[in-house]
Amino acid sequence: MEWKSDVEGRRWSSVLKMASVLVLGVVSARIASAQTATAESGPADAKTGSEEYRTFYLTNLTEPRDANDIVTDLRNMLPKARCYYLASQGAISMRGSQEDIALVQKVLADMDRTRKVYRLTYTITEMDGSKAMGTQHVALVVATGGKSNMKQGSRVPIVTGGVDAGSSTANSQVQYVDVGLNIEASVEGSADGLQLRSKVEQSSMADEKSGIGAQDPVIRQTKLEGVSTLTPGKPMVLGSLDIPGTTRHEEIEVVSELVR
């Protein structure tokens, strides 16, 4: 009986030793895993702690649209950095790592450049057959990415009438219509040349009268709108238009010249 008890005691002792070894192995594995996780998270924490703040002032791209495009570009390239545009200061403020700030400096050096400025000379010629009846020149100075507008003419009053509901007295009102020449131009640089988006409107009072009323004039209007690719110094005809009821027609030509 005593021999059997001694054997069982040694057996339980062996079982306890094996259980202790297993427990120590699990604990050691967990400690090693925790140490590995700490070692891996260390550089990330250090990188987060090394973030810097920097302000970049734009010197050439003053249009809000251009600045917003750059900020969007930076946010797409640097998802971990934080970039904001301050329109009142013309500046971009950002917070990120040293590598992010170095990349932003390079991007701004490539993008924030002085714009080229062009002089656009529009020539509007009225022809009667092959004979020039009159020529008008209009020159606009436009920077790439910008827009310029010129308007010349008169504001013609048009009387609109009505009857007051409380009396038979006519209640007349006057509206004004712009009559003359209106040119709007914007330019963009491209690989093939200078891309011009232009709109030319010309209107005048016609000799005939409206059948609605003696106070209502008839306004003749010509409008040309389109996109063209120009070579600096080389004229381009934008369009030609016949004047109804006559043998005359108008030609619209433009030439670009680099100013700076």
C-alpha atoms as a PDB file:
ATOM      1  CA  MET A   1       0.000   0.000   0.000  1.00  0.00           C
ATOM      2  CA  GLU A   2       2.820   2.352   0.906  1.00  0.00           C
ATOM      3  CA  TRP A   3       4.660   1.465  -2.317  1.00  0.00           C
ATOM      4  CA  LYS A   4       1.564   2.345  -4.375  1.00  0.00           C
ATOM      5  CA  SER A   5       1.215   5.696  -2.664  1.00  0.00           C
ATOM      6  CA  ASP A   6       4.864   6.490  -3.296  1.00  0.00           C
ATOM      7  CA  VAL A   7       4.447   5.748  -7.019  1.00  0.00           C
ATOM      8  CA  GLU A   8       1.371   7.954  -7.293  1.00  0.00           C
ATOM      9  CA  GLY A   9       3.180  10.753  -5.495  1.00  0.00           C
ATOM     10  CA  ARG A  10       6.083  10.631  -7.914  1.00  0.00           C
ATOM     11  CA  ARG A  11       3.585  10.607 -10.824  1.00  0.00           C
ATOM     12  CA  TRP A  12       1.768  13.714  -9.568  1.00  0.00           C
ATOM     13  CA  SER A  13       5.104  15.408  -8.999  1.00  0.00           C
ATOM     14  CA  SER A  14       6.044  14.798 -12.629  1.00  0.00           C
ATOM     15  CA  VAL A  15       2.682  16.133 -13.818  1.00  0.00           C
ATOM     16  CA  LEU A  16       3.122  19.322 -11.785  1.00  0.00           C
ATOM     17  CA  LYS A  17       6.617  19.876 -13.166  1.00  0.00           C
ATOM     18  CA  MET A  18       5.348  19.512 -16.733  1.00  0.00           C
ATOM     19  CA  ALA A  19       2.503  21.948 -16.049  1.00  0.00           C
ATOM     20  CA  SER A  20       4.961  24.453 -14.605  1.00  0.00           C
ATOM     21  CA  VAL A  21       7.155  24.178 -17.703  1.00  0.00           C
ATOM     22  CA  LEU A  22       4.161  24.783 -19.958  1.00  0.00           C
ATOM     23  CA  VAL A  23       3.019  27.810 -17.958  1.00  0.00           C
ATOM     24  CA  LEU A  24       6.525  29.297 -17.999  1.00  0.00           C
ATOM     25  CA  GLY A  25       6.690  28.737 -21.772  1.00  0.00           C
ATOM     26  CA  VAL A  26       3.399  30.548 -22.373  1.00  0.00           C
ATOM     27  CA  VAL A  27       4.438  33.449 -20.152  1.00  0.00           C
ATOM     28  CA  SER A  28       7.824  33.704 -21.861  1.00  0.00           C
ATOM     29  CA  ALA A  29       6.165  33.697 -25.294  1.00  0.00           C
ATOM     30  CA  ARG A  30       3.797  36.480 -24.278  1.00  0.00           C
ATOM     31  CA  ILE A  31       6.658  38.559 -22.871  1.00  0.00           C
ATOM     32  CA  ALA A  32       8.664  38.086 -26.081  1.00  0.00           C
ATOM     33  CA  SER A  33       5.632  39.053 -28.183  1.00  0.00           C
ATOM     34  CA  ALA A  34       5.089  42.179 -26.121  1.00  0.00           C
ATOM     35  CA  GLN A  35       8.771  43.133 -26.431  1.00  0.00           C
ATOM     36  CA  THR A  36       8.607  42.644 -30.222  1.00  0.00           C
ATOM     37  CA  ALA A  37       5.474  44.806 -30.498  1.00  0.00           C
ATOM     38  CA  THR A  38       7.121  47.514 -28.401  1.00  0.00           C
ATOM     39  CA  ALA A  39      10.242  47.395 -30.570  1.00  0.00           C
ATOM     40  CA  GLU A  40       8.166  47.655 -33.750  1.00  0.00           C
ATOM     41  CA  SER A  41       6.022  50.507 -32.486  1.00  0.00           C
ATOM     42  CA  GLY A  42       9.018  52.437 -31.223  1.00  0.00           C
ATOM     43  CA  PRO A  43      10.155  53.916 -34.581  1.00  0.00           C
ATOM     44  CA  ALA A  44       6.550  54.812 -35.505  1.00  0.00           C
ATOM     45  CA  ASP A  45       6.113  56.641 -32.210  1.00  0.00           C
ATOM     46  CA  ALA A  46       9.437  58.325 -32.701  1.00  0.00           C
ATOM     47  CA  LYS A  47       8.446  59.319 -36.252  1.00  0.00           C
ATOM     48  CA  THR A  48       5.169  60.782 -35.002  1.00  0.00           C
ATOM     49  CA  GLY A  49       7.008  62.710 -32.356  1.00  0.00           C
ATOM     50  CA  SER A  50       9.431  64.171 -34.951  1.00  0.00           C
ATOM     51  CA  GLU A  51       6.707  65.952 -36.924  1.00  0.00           C
ATOM     52  CA  GLU A  52       7.371  69.596 -37.765  1.00  0.00           C
ATOM     53  CA  TYR A  53       5.257  72.621 -38.616  1.00  0.00           C
ATOM     54  CA  ARG A  54       6.117  74.833 -41.577  1.00  0.00           C
ATOM     55  CA  THR A  55       4.512  77.738 -43.481  1.00  0.00           C
ATOM     56  CA  PHE A  56       5.139  78.208 -47.213  1.00  0.00           C
ATOM     57  CA  TYR A  57       4.280  81.569 -48.816  1.00  0.00           C
ATOM     58  CA  LEU A  58       3.195  81.547 -52.461  1.00  0.00           C
ATOM     59  CA  THR A  59       4.800  84.284 -54.537  1.00  0.00           C
ATOM     60  CA  ASN A  60       3.306  83.710 -57.995  1.00  0.00           C
ATOM     61  CA  LEU A  61       0.176  81.565 -57.673  1.00  0.00           C
ATOM     62  CA  THR A  62      -2.138  84.138 -56.130  1.00  0.00           C
ATOM     63  CA  GLU A  63      -5.414  82.831 -57.554  1.00  0.00           C
ATOM     64  CA  PRO A  64      -7.394  80.765 -54.980  1.00  0.00           C
ATOM     65  CA  ARG A  65      -8.148  78.144 -57.634  1.00  0.00           C
ATOM     66  CA  ASP A  66      -4.436  77.536 -58.309  1.00  0.00           C
ATOM     67  CA  ALA A  67      -3.573  77.378 -54.606  1.00  0.00           C
ATOM     68  CA  ASN A  68      -6.408  74.951 -53.900  1.00  0.00           C
ATOM     69  CA  ASP A  69      -5.215  72.715 -56.735  1.00  0.00           C
ATOM     70  CA  ILE A  70      -1.729  72.588 -55.203  1.00  0.00           C
ATOM     71  CA  VAL A  71      -3.089  71.776 -51.725  1.00  0.00           C
ATOM     72  CA  THR A  72      -5.206  68.972 -53.209  1.00  0.00           C
ATOM     73  CA  ASP A  73      -2.123  67.637 -54.991  1.00  0.00           C
ATOM     74  CA  LEU A  74      -0.106  67.690 -51.751  1.00  0.00           C
ATOM     75  CA  ARG A  75      -2.846  65.950 -49.784  1.00  0.00           C
ATOM     76  CA  ASN A  76      -3.013  63.163 -52.356  1.00  0.00           C
ATOM     77  CA  MET A  77       0.758  62.661 -52.332  1.00  0.00           C
ATOM     78  CA  LEU A  78       1.166  62.981 -48.546  1.00  0.00           C
ATOM     79  CA  PRO A  79      -1.887  61.372 -46.896  1.00  0.00           C
ATOM     80  CA  LYS A  80      -0.284  61.436 -43.419  1.00  0.00           C
ATOM     81  CA  ALA A  81       0.628  65.133 -43.553  1.00  0.00           C
ATOM     82  CA  ARG A  82      -1.854  67.953 -42.896  1.00  0.00           C
ATOM     83  CA  CYS A  83      -1.936  70.849 -45.367  1.00  0.00           C
ATOM     84  CA  TYR A  84      -4.155  73.952 -45.328  1.00  0.00           C
ATOM     85  CA  TYR A  85      -4.351  77.058 -47.512  1.00  0.00           C
ATOM     86  CA  LEU A  86      -4.697  80.511 -45.934  1.00  0.00           C
ATOM     87  CA  ALA A  87      -6.163  82.725 -48.656  1.00  0.00           C
ATOM     88  CA  SER A  88      -5.752  85.947 -46.632  1.00  0.00           C
ATOM     89  CA  GLN A  89      -1.999  85.329 -46.292  1.00  0.00           C
ATOM     90  CA  GLY A  90      -1.388  83.576 -49.600  1.00  0.00           C
ATOM     91  CA  ALA A  91       0.322  80.787 -47.678  1.00  0.00           C
ATOM     92  CA  ILE A  92       0.187  77.031 -47.144  1.00  0.00           C
ATOM     93  CA  SER A  93       0.597  75.754 -43.591  1.00  0.00           C
ATOM     94  CA  MET A  94       1.456  72.124 -43.021  1.00  0.00           C
ATOM     95  CA  ARG A  95       2.487  69.649 -40.378  1.00  0.00           C
ATOM     96  CA  GLY A  96       4.383  66.480 -41.238  1.00  0.00           C
ATOM     97  CA  SER A  97       7.655  64.616 -41.103  1.00  0.00           C
ATOM     98  CA  GLN A  98      10.941  66.005 -42.357  1.00  0.00           C
ATOM     99  CA  GLU A  99      10.588  63.904 -45.515  1.00  0.00           C
ATOM    100  CA  ASP A 100       7.111  65.353 -46.151  1.00  0.00           C
ATOM    101  CA  ILE A 101       8.346  68.928 -45.722  1.00  0.00           C
ATOM    102  CA  ALA A 102      11.283  68.318 -48.072  1.00  0.00           C
ATOM    103  CA  LEU A 103       8.897  66.981 -50.738  1.00  0.00           C
ATOM    104  CA  VAL A 104       6.565  69.982 -50.350  1.00  0.00           C
ATOM    105  CA  GLN A 105       9.514  72.334 -50.859  1.00  0.00           C
ATOM    106  CA  LYS A 106      10.394  70.535 -54.090  1.00  0.00           C
ATOM    107  CA  VAL A 107       6.796  70.553 -55.367  1.00  0.00           C
ATOM    108  CA  LEU A 108       6.387  74.285 -54.689  1.00  0.00           C
ATOM    109  CA  ALA A 109       9.712  75.024 -56.385  1.00  0.00           C
ATOM    110  CA  ASP A 110       8.349  73.340 -59.528  1.00  0.00           C
ATOM    111  CA  MET A 111       4.797  74.728 -59.377  1.00  0.00           C
ATOM    112  CA  ASP A 112       5.029  78.241 -57.897  1.00  0.00           C
ATOM    113  CA  ARG A 113       6.691  79.864 -60.887  1.00  0.00           C
ATOM    114  CA  THR A 114       6.349  83.236 -62.560  1.00  0.00           C
ATOM    115  CA  ARG A 115       3.563  83.196 -65.131  1.00  0.00           C
ATOM    116  CA  LYS A 116       4.191  84.106 -68.712  1.00  0.00           C
ATOM    117  CA  VAL A 117       2.394  87.211 -69.936  1.00  0.00           C
ATOM    118  CA  TYR A 118       1.155  87.625 -73.513  1.00  0.00           C
ATOM    119  CA  ARG A 119      -0.223  90.521 -75.525  1.00  0.00           C
ATOM    120  CA  LEU A 120      -3.172  89.469 -77.686  1.00  0.00           C
ATOM    121  CA  THR A 121      -4.034  91.754 -80.587  1.00  0.00           C
ATOM    122  CA  TYR A 122      -7.467  91.224 -82.119  1.00  0.00           C
ATOM    123  CA  THR A 123      -8.110  92.666 -85.571  1.00  0.00           C
ATOM    124  CA  ILE A 124     -11.711  93.012 -86.773  1.00  0.00           C
ATOM    125  CA  THR A 125     -11.923  93.877 -90.463  1.00  0.00           C
ATOM    126  CA  GLU A 126     -15.127  94.663 -92.330  1.00  0.00           C
ATOM    127  CA  MET A 127     -14.834  93.661 -95.961  1.00  0.00           C
ATOM    128  CA  ASP A 128     -17.010  94.444 -98.975  1.00  0.00           C
ATOM    129  CA  GLY A 129     -15.973  91.770-101.406  1.00  0.00           C
ATOM    130  CA  SER A 130     -12.187  92.064-101.477  1.00  0.00           C
ATOM    131  CA  LYS A 131     -12.147  95.699-100.356  1.00  0.00           C
ATOM    132  CA  ALA A 132     -11.518  96.572 -96.711  1.00  0.00           C
ATOM    133  CA  MET A 133     -14.167  98.984 -95.458  1.00  0.00           C
ATOM    134  CA  GLY A 134     -12.784  99.452 -91.945  1.00  0.00           C
ATOM    135  CA  THR A 135     -10.418  97.877 -89.450  1.00  0.00           C
ATOM    136  CA  GLN A 136     -10.418  97.900 -85.672  1.00  0.00           C
ATOM    137  CA  HIS A 137      -7.548  96.728 -83.441  1.00  0.00           C
ATOM    138  CA  VAL A 138      -7.927  95.720 -79.800  1.00  0.00           C
ATOM    139  CA  ALA A 139      -4.946  94.658 -77.633  1.00  0.00           C
ATOM    140  CA  LEU A 140      -5.258  92.746 -74.356  1.00  0.00           C
ATOM    141  CA  VAL A 141      -2.526  91.695 -71.934  1.00  0.00           C
ATOM    142  CA  VAL A 142      -3.208  88.295 -70.335  1.00  0.00           C
ATOM    143  CA  ALA A 143      -1.157  86.081 -68.010  1.00  0.00           C
ATOM    144  CA  THR A 144      -1.295  82.312 -68.439  1.00  0.00           C
ATOM    145  CA  GLY A 145      -4.041  80.927 -66.267  1.00  0.00           C
ATOM    146  CA  GLY A 146      -5.723  84.335 -66.101  1.00  0.00           C
ATOM    147  CA  LYS A 147      -8.453  86.154 -67.970  1.00  0.00           C
ATOM    148  CA  SER A 148      -8.850  89.627 -69.457  1.00  0.00           C
ATOM    149  CA  ASN A 149     -11.967  91.448 -70.612  1.00  0.00           C
ATOM    150  CA  MET A 150     -12.534  94.561 -72.730  1.00  0.00           C
ATOM    151  CA  LYS A 151     -15.866  96.281 -73.325  1.00  0.00           C
ATOM    152  CA  GLN A 152     -16.427  99.316 -75.542  1.00  0.00           C
ATOM    153  CA  GLY A 153     -19.728 100.818 -76.636  1.00  0.00           C
ATOM    154  CA  SER A 154     -22.914 102.408 -75.318  1.00  0.00           C
ATOM    155  CA  ARG A 155     -25.779 101.520 -73.017  1.00  0.00           C
ATOM    156  CA  VAL A 156     -28.989 101.927 -74.984  1.00  0.00           C
ATOM    157  CA  PRO A 157     -32.202 102.601 -73.020  1.00  0.00           C
ATOM    158  CA  ILE A 158     -35.255 100.518 -73.860  1.00  0.00           C
ATOM    159  CA  VAL A 159     -38.628 101.638 -72.538  1.00  0.00           C
ATOM    160  CA  THR A 160     -40.899  98.946 -71.202  1.00  0.00           C
ATOM    161  CA  GLY A 161     -44.510  99.959 -70.496  1.00  0.00           C
ATOM    162  CA  GLY A 162     -47.274  98.711 -68.274  1.00  0.00           C
ATOM    163  CA  VAL A 163     -50.628  99.826 -66.916  1.00  0.00           C
ATOM    164  CA  ASP A 164     -51.225 100.480 -63.231  1.00  0.00           C
ATOM    165  CA  ALA A 165     -54.084  98.323 -61.959  1.00  0.00           C
ATOM    166  CA  GLY A 166     -55.517 101.220 -59.913  1.00  0.00           C
ATOM    167  CA  SER A 167     -55.581 103.764 -62.741  1.00  0.00           C
ATOM    168  CA  SER A 168     -55.313 104.116 -66.490  1.00  0.00           C
ATOM    169  CA  THR A 169     -51.891 105.831 -66.223  1.00  0.00           C
ATOM    170  CA  ALA A 170     -49.094 104.044 -68.045  1.00  0.00           C
ATOM    171  CA  ASN A 171     -46.282 102.882 -65.777  1.00  0.00           C
ATOM    172  CA  SER A 172     -43.095 103.073 -67.860  1.00  0.00           C
ATOM    173  CA  GLN A 173     -39.767 101.504 -66.902  1.00  0.00           C
ATOM    174  CA  VAL A 174     -36.384 101.763 -68.583  1.00  0.00           C
ATOM    175  CA  GLN A 175     -33.905  98.932 -69.127  1.00  0.00           C
ATOM    176  CA  TYR A 176     -30.420  99.353 -70.574  1.00  0.00           C
ATOM    177  CA  VAL A 177     -28.756  97.091 -73.123  1.00  0.00           C
ATOM    178  CA  ASP A 178     -25.001  97.105 -73.829  1.00  0.00           C
ATOM    179  CA  VAL A 179     -24.265  97.800 -77.474  1.00  0.00           C
ATOM    180  CA  GLY A 180     -20.750  97.758 -78.898  1.00  0.00           C
ATOM    181  CA  LEU A 181     -17.720  95.476 -78.742  1.00  0.00           C
ATOM    182  CA  ASN A 182     -16.987  92.972 -75.979  1.00  0.00           C
ATOM    183  CA  ILE A 183     -13.879  90.740 -75.995  1.00  0.00           C
ATOM    184  CA  GLU A 184     -13.028  88.173 -73.331  1.00  0.00           C
ATOM    185  CA  ALA A 185      -9.798  86.155 -73.509  1.00  0.00           C
ATOM    186  CA  SER A 186      -7.984  83.591 -71.349  1.00  0.00           C
ATOM    187  CA  VAL A 187      -4.787  81.686 -72.128  1.00  0.00           C
ATOM    188  CA  GLU A 188      -3.174  78.471 -70.931  1.00  0.00           C
ATOM    189  CA  GLY A 189       0.206  76.991 -71.760  1.00  0.00           C
ATOM    190  CA  SER A 190       0.300  73.611 -73.499  1.00  0.00           C
ATOM    191  CA  ALA A 191       2.834  71.298 -75.103  1.00  0.00           C
ATOM    192  CA  ASP A 192       1.667  72.272 -78.613  1.00  0.00           C
ATOM    193  CA  GLY A 193       1.631  76.029 -78.048  1.00  0.00           C
ATOM    194  CA  LEU A 194      -0.530  78.683 -76.456  1.00  0.00           C
ATOM    195  CA  GLN A 195      -4.161  77.690 -75.924  1.00  0.00           C
ATOM    196  CA  LEU A 196      -6.522  80.632 -76.308  1.00  0.00           C
ATOM    197  CA  ARG A 197     -10.140  80.655 -75.212  1.00  0.00           C
ATOM    198  CA  SER A 198     -11.810  83.755 -76.614  1.00  0.00           C
ATOM    199  CA  LYS A 199     -15.271  85.254 -76.934  1.00  0.00           C
ATOM    200  CA  VAL A 200     -15.890  88.178 -79.275  1.00  0.00           C
ATOM    201  CA  GLU A 201     -19.297  89.908 -79.284  1.00  0.00           C
ATOM    202  CA  GLN A 202     -20.155  92.892 -81.458  1.00  0.00           C
ATOM    203  CA  SER A 203     -23.556  94.567 -81.574  1.00  0.00           C
ATOM    204  CA  SER A 204     -24.993  97.723 -83.144  1.00  0.00           C
ATOM    205  CA  MET A 205     -28.270  99.504 -83.693  1.00  0.00           C
ATOM    206  CA  ALA A 206     -30.009  98.519 -86.920  1.00  0.00           C
ATOM    207  CA  ASP A 207     -31.635 101.078 -89.234  1.00  0.00           C
ATOM    208  CA  GLU A 208     -34.982  99.287 -89.247  1.00  0.00           C
ATOM    209  CA  LYS A 209     -37.415  99.673 -86.355  1.00  0.00           C
ATOM    210  CA  SER A 210     -39.214  97.039 -84.379  1.00  0.00           C
ATOM    211  CA  GLY A 211     -42.817  96.303 -85.279  1.00  0.00           C
ATOM    212  CA  ILE A 212     -43.722  96.063 -81.597  1.00  0.00           C
ATOM    213  CA  GLY A 213     -43.345  99.735 -80.827  1.00  0.00           C
ATOM    214  CA  ALA A 214     -41.589 102.856 -82.019  1.00  0.00           C
ATOM    215  CA  GLN A 215     -39.505 102.975 -78.824  1.00  0.00           C
ATOM    216  CA  ASP A 216     -38.163  99.419 -79.283  1.00  0.00           C
ATOM    217  CA  PRO A 217     -34.937  99.319 -81.351  1.00  0.00           C
ATOM    218  CA  VAL A 218     -33.566  96.421 -83.367  1.00  0.00           C
ATOM    219  CA  ILE A 219     -30.067  95.365 -82.303  1.00  0.00           C
ATOM    220  CA  ARG A 220     -27.765  93.541 -84.715  1.00  0.00           C
ATOM    221  CA  GLN A 221     -25.351  91.169 -82.960  1.00  0.00           C
ATOM    222  CA  THR A 222     -22.331  89.081 -83.959  1.00  0.00           C
ATOM    223  CA  LYS A 223     -20.786  86.547 -81.572  1.00  0.00           C
ATOM    224  CA  LEU A 224     -17.745  84.284 -81.946  1.00  0.00           C
ATOM    225  CA  GLU A 225     -16.604  81.913 -79.211  1.00  0.00           C
ATOM    226  CA  GLY A 226     -14.071  79.085 -79.343  1.00  0.00           C
ATOM    227  CA  VAL A 227     -10.711  77.576 -78.368  1.00  0.00           C
ATOM    228  CA  SER A 228      -7.614  77.916 -80.567  1.00  0.00           C
ATOM    229  CA  THR A 229      -3.944  76.936 -80.357  1.00  0.00           C
ATOM    230  CA  LEU A 230      -1.660  79.862 -81.212  1.00  0.00           C
ATOM    231  CA  THR A 231       1.981  80.118 -82.182  1.00  0.00           C
ATOM    232  CA  PRO A 232       3.463  83.368 -80.796  1.00  0.00           C
ATOM    233  CA  GLY A 233       4.000  85.917 -83.552  1.00  0.00           C
ATOM    234  CA  LYS A 234       1.881  84.058 -86.114  1.00  0.00           C
ATOM    235  CA  PRO A 235      -1.582  85.518 -86.941  1.00  0.00           C
ATOM    236  CA  MET A 236      -4.610  83.235 -86.907  1.00  0.00           C
ATOM    237  CA  VAL A 237      -8.064  83.895 -88.338  1.00  0.00           C
ATOM    238  CA  LEU A 238     -10.626  82.966 -85.700  1.00  0.00           C
ATOM    239  CA  GLY A 239     -13.605  83.265 -87.988  1.00  0.00           C
ATOM    240  CA  SER A 240     -15.400  85.047 -90.798  1.00  0.00           C
ATOM    241  CA  LEU A 241     -19.049  86.080 -90.831  1.00  0.00           C
ATOM    242  CA  ASP A 242     -21.275  87.413 -93.600  1.00  0.00           C
ATOM    243  CA  ILE A 243     -23.500  90.379 -92.751  1.00  0.00           C
ATOM    244  CA  PRO A 244     -27.086  89.475 -93.786  1.00  0.00           C
ATOM    245  CA  GLY A 245     -28.657  91.617 -96.518  1.00  0.00           C
ATOM    246  CA  THR A 246     -25.339  93.047 -97.693  1.00  0.00           C
ATOM    247  CA  THR A 247     -22.255  92.035 -99.656  1.00  0.00           C
ATOM    248  CA  ARG A 248     -20.065  92.712 -96.637  1.00  0.00           C
ATOM    249  CA  HIS A 249     -18.502  90.306 -94.161  1.00  0.00           C
ATOM    250  CA  GLU A 250     -16.305  90.535 -91.062  1.00  0.00           C
ATOM    251  CA  GLU A 251     -13.028  88.738 -90.377  1.00  0.00           C
ATOM    252  CA  ILE A 252     -11.656  88.304 -86.867  1.00  0.00           C
ATOM    253  CA  GLU A 253      -7.937  87.674 -86.529  1.00  0.00           C
ATOM    254  CA  VAL A 254      -5.670  87.405 -83.482  1.00  0.00           C
ATOM    255  CA  VAL A 255      -1.904  87.334 -82.961  1.00  0.00           C
ATOM    256  CA  SER A 256      -0.052  86.671 -79.699  1.00  0.00           C
ATOM    257  CA  GLU A 257       3.229  88.168 -78.499  1.00  0.00           C
ATOM    258  CA  LEU A 258       5.238  87.157 -75.421  1.00  0.00           C
ATOM    259  CA  VAL A 259       5.668  90.163 -73.116  1.00  0.00           C
ATOM    260  CA  ARG A 260       7.601  88.518 -70.255  1.00  0.00           C
END
